[in-house]
Protein backbone atom coordinates (compact mmCIF):
# COMPACT_ATOMS: atom_id res chain seq x y z
CA MET A 1 -2.37 -5.36 -0.76
CA ILE A 2 -4.46 -8.39 -1.58
CA PRO A 3 -2.79 -11.60 -1.56
CA ARG A 4 -3.43 -14.41 -3.73
CA ALA A 5 -4.96 -13.01 -6.38
CA ARG A 6 -5.37 -14.45 -9.73
CA LYS A 7 -2.33 -12.49 -10.98
CA THR A 8 0.24 -9.46 -9.59
CA ALA A 9 -1.58 -5.95 -10.83
CA ALA A 10 -2.19 -2.59 -9.65
CA ALA A 11 -6.47 -2.59 -8.70
CA GLY A 12 -6.81 1.44 -8.84
CA ILE A 13 -7.69 3.44 -5.69
CA ARG A 14 -9.77 3.02 -2.90
CA ASP A 15 -9.91 5.64 0.19
CA ALA A 16 -7.04 7.08 -1.19
CA THR A 17 -5.37 4.15 -1.26
CA LEU A 18 -3.27 2.20 -4.07
CA VAL A 19 -4.60 -1.05 -3.85
CA ILE A 20 -2.18 -3.56 -5.59
CA ARG A 21 -3.04 -7.82 -5.80
CA LEU A 22 -0.40 -10.20 -5.72
CA ALA A 23 -0.34 -13.33 -6.72
CA ALA A 24 1.84 -14.62 -4.15
CA PRO A 25 0.40 -15.72 -0.51
CA PRO A 26 0.57 -13.87 2.94
CA VAL A 27 3.17 -16.55 3.96
CA GLU A 28 6.97 -15.61 5.50
CA GLY A 29 7.17 -12.98 3.40
CA ALA A 30 6.13 -14.11 0.09
CA ALA A 31 3.36 -11.54 0.01
CA ASN A 32 6.35 -8.53 0.53
CA THR A 33 8.62 -9.72 -1.41
CA ALA A 34 6.58 -9.95 -4.24
CA LEU A 35 4.80 -6.46 -3.68
CA VAL A 36 8.93 -4.98 -3.86
CA THR A 37 9.62 -7.24 -6.46
CA PHE A 38 6.18 -5.84 -8.42
CA LEU A 39 6.65 -1.81 -7.81
CA SER A 40 10.55 -1.92 -8.61
CA GLU A 41 9.74 -3.53 -12.03
CA ALA A 42 6.91 -1.21 -13.11
CA LEU A 43 8.20 2.04 -11.31
CA GLY A 44 11.94 1.29 -12.91
CA VAL A 45 13.75 1.02 -10.00
CA PRO A 46 16.48 -1.47 -8.29
CA ARG A 47 14.93 -3.49 -5.49
CA ARG A 48 16.71 -2.33 -2.74
CA ALA A 49 15.10 1.58 -3.34
CA VAL A 50 11.61 -0.28 -2.06
CA VAL A 51 11.45 -0.58 1.36
CA VAL A 52 8.04 -1.49 3.28
CA LEU A 53 8.47 0.67 5.94
CA SER A 54 5.20 -0.10 8.46
CA GLY A 55 2.55 -3.03 8.07
CA GLU A 56 5.09 -5.56 7.39
CA ARG A 57 2.28 -8.38 8.64
CA SER A 58 -0.36 -6.17 7.25
CA ARG A 59 -2.64 -6.03 4.26
CA HIS A 60 -2.53 -2.01 4.88
CA LYS A 61 1.66 -1.19 4.37
CA ARG A 62 3.62 1.88 3.67
CA VAL A 63 5.91 1.95 1.23
CA ALA A 64 8.80 4.07 0.46
CA VAL A 65 10.52 3.88 -3.30
CA ALA A 66 14.04 5.96 -3.86
CA GLY A 67 13.99 8.46 -6.72
CA VAL A 68 10.28 8.31 -8.11
CA THR A 69 7.85 10.93 -7.83
CA ALA A 70 3.84 11.04 -7.07
CA ALA A 71 3.38 11.59 -10.89
CA LEU A 72 5.32 8.53 -11.41
CA VAL A 73 4.10 6.33 -9.43
CA ARG A 74 0.53 7.41 -11.05
CA GLU A 75 1.63 7.21 -14.88
CA ARG A 76 3.25 4.10 -14.72
CA LEU A 77 0.52 1.79 -12.14
CA LEU A 78 -2.67 3.89 -12.81
CA LEU A 79 -2.83 3.44 -16.69
């Protein structure tokens, strides 16, 4: 995750990790909220289906998304 980007978007894969640029700053959880919102909208799932498992205060996060496959994530985020 890269906070304070010009716009919120998936930016590809780097070192086997999905990179997402977020327009939100990393202040008081704003970037985490923006990440959950972006992923839920991009993947077509409710916000409650997206959970930050670890890394809440880090740029490197582990996120679980209920109801989607890895193939769907690749299709919707990496086109």
